[in-house]
Amino acid sequence: MKNLTEYSIEELKLIYHLLHTQMPQHTQLISSDLLQDLQDYLLQQARNEGIEVAEHKQWNNWLQPSG
C-alpha cells in the first residue's frame, strides 16, 4: 500500500475535492479518517508552499485541480 506522499499532489487535490463536494449527500464522510488524513496532508503541503490556509480563498484556490 502506498503512503499519501507517493501520490501526485494534483491527484490528491482532485480526490479531496470530489469527496468534499459529496459531504452534503454522504454525511458519513464527515467522520471519515481517510478524508481527515487527506485534508491534513494537503493542508501541510499548502503551508509548505506558503499558502495561508486560514484564508479560505487562498486554500480553495490552491486546492483547485489544474488538470
C-alpha atoms as a PDB file:
ATOM      1  CA  MET A   1       0.000   0.000   0.000  1.00  0.00           C
ATOM      2  CA  LYS A   2       1.266   3.466  -0.872  1.00  0.00           C
ATOM      3  CA  ASN A   3       1.671   6.346   1.520  1.00  0.00           C
ATOM      4  CA  LEU A   4      -0.045   9.649   0.650  1.00  0.00           C
ATOM      5  CA  THR A   5       3.374  11.144  -0.064  1.00  0.00           C
ATOM      6  CA  GLU A   6       3.762   8.747  -3.003  1.00  0.00           C
ATOM      7  CA  TYR A   7       0.801  10.151  -4.945  1.00  0.00           C
ATOM      8  CA  SER A   8       0.854  13.288  -7.059  1.00  0.00           C
ATOM      9  CA  ILE A   9      -0.466  16.332  -5.271  1.00  0.00           C
ATOM     10  CA  GLU A  10      -2.780  17.053  -8.211  1.00  0.00           C
ATOM     11  CA  GLU A  11      -4.364  13.608  -7.930  1.00  0.00           C
ATOM     12  CA  LEU A  12      -4.847  14.058  -4.179  1.00  0.00           C
ATOM     13  CA  LYS A  13      -6.394  17.503  -4.680  1.00  0.00           C
ATOM     14  CA  LEU A  14      -8.847  16.081  -7.192  1.00  0.00           C
ATOM     15  CA  ILE A  15      -9.856  13.222  -4.916  1.00  0.00           C
ATOM     16  CA  TYR A  16     -10.214  15.552  -1.936  1.00  0.00           C
ATOM     17  CA  HIS A  17     -12.297  17.983  -3.989  1.00  0.00           C
ATOM     18  CA  LEU A  18     -14.610  15.210  -5.186  1.00  0.00           C
ATOM     19  CA  LEU A  19     -15.068  13.748  -1.721  1.00  0.00           C
ATOM     20  CA  HIS A  20     -15.551  17.138  -0.102  1.00  0.00           C
ATOM     21  CA  THR A  21     -18.287  18.109  -2.563  1.00  0.00           C
ATOM     22  CA  GLN A  22     -20.123  14.875  -1.740  1.00  0.00           C
ATOM     23  CA  MET A  23     -20.343  15.590   2.001  1.00  0.00           C
ATOM     24  CA  PRO A  24     -23.873  17.054   1.894  1.00  0.00           C
ATOM     25  CA  GLN A  25     -25.199  13.886   0.210  1.00  0.00           C
ATOM     26  CA  HIS A  26     -22.982  11.471   2.172  1.00  0.00           C
ATOM     27  CA  THR A  27     -22.721  12.835   5.692  1.00  0.00           C
ATOM     28  CA  GLN A  28     -20.735   9.801   6.858  1.00  0.00           C
ATOM     29  CA  LEU A  29     -17.757  11.397   5.077  1.00  0.00           C
ATOM     30  CA  ILE A  30     -17.637  13.996   7.855  1.00  0.00           C
ATOM     31  CA  SER A  31     -16.220  11.377  10.217  1.00  0.00           C
ATOM     32  CA  SER A  32     -14.014   9.637   7.649  1.00  0.00           C
ATOM     33  CA  ASP A  33     -10.478   9.099   8.947  1.00  0.00           C
ATOM     34  CA  LEU A  34      -9.203   8.807   5.388  1.00  0.00           C
ATOM     35  CA  LEU A  35     -10.714  12.137   4.373  1.00  0.00           C
ATOM     36  CA  GLN A  36      -9.320  13.775   7.514  1.00  0.00           C
ATOM     37  CA  ASP A  37      -5.852  12.336   6.850  1.00  0.00           C
ATOM     38  CA  LEU A  38      -6.019  13.557   3.260  1.00  0.00           C
ATOM     39  CA  GLN A  39      -7.107  17.030   4.363  1.00  0.00           C
ATOM     40  CA  ASP A  40      -4.331  17.205   6.977  1.00  0.00           C
ATOM     41  CA  TYR A  41      -1.756  16.172   4.392  1.00  0.00           C
ATOM     42  CA  LEU A  42      -2.991  18.716   1.854  1.00  0.00           C
ATOM     43  CA  LEU A  43      -3.094  21.466   4.469  1.00  0.00           C
ATOM     44  CA  GLN A  44       0.548  20.774   5.313  1.00  0.00           C
ATOM     45  CA  GLN A  45       1.543  20.770   1.646  1.00  0.00           C
ATOM     46  CA  ALA A  46      -0.237  24.076   1.113  1.00  0.00           C
ATOM     47  CA  ARG A  47       1.507  25.605   4.151  1.00  0.00           C
ATOM     48  CA  ASN A  48       4.835  24.364   2.776  1.00  0.00           C
ATOM     49  CA  GLU A  49       4.076  26.305  -0.416  1.00  0.00           C
ATOM     50  CA  GLY A  50       3.333  29.471   1.537  1.00  0.00           C
ATOM     51  CA  ILE A  51      -0.453  29.282   1.369  1.00  0.00           C
ATOM     52  CA  GLU A  52      -2.267  30.880   4.297  1.00  0.00           C
ATOM     53  CA  VAL A  53      -4.754  28.052   4.801  1.00  0.00           C
ATOM     54  CA  ALA A  54      -6.783  30.054   7.332  1.00  0.00           C
ATOM     55  CA  GLU A  55      -7.693  32.319   4.416  1.00  0.00           C
ATOM     56  CA  HIS A  56     -10.446  30.288   2.778  1.00  0.00           C
ATOM     57  CA  LYS A  57      -9.939  31.857  -0.648  1.00  0.00           C
ATOM     58  CA  GLN A  58      -6.214  31.024  -0.715  1.00  0.00           C
ATOM     59  CA  TRP A  59      -6.849  27.459   0.472  1.00  0.00           C
ATOM     60  CA  ASN A  60      -9.682  26.965  -2.010  1.00  0.00           C
ATOM     61  CA  ASN A  61      -7.653  28.367  -4.921  1.00  0.00           C
ATOM     62  CA  TRP A  62      -4.715  26.119  -4.044  1.00  0.00           C
ATOM     63  CA  LEU A  63      -6.993  23.085  -3.930  1.00  0.00           C
ATOM     64  CA  GLN A  64      -8.311  23.553  -7.442  1.00  0.00           C
ATOM     65  CA  PRO A  65      -7.037  20.698  -9.600  1.00  0.00           C
ATOM     66  CA  SER A  66      -5.020  22.042 -12.509  1.00  0.00           C
ATOM     67  CA  GLY A  67      -5.765  19.203 -14.859  1.00  0.00           C
END
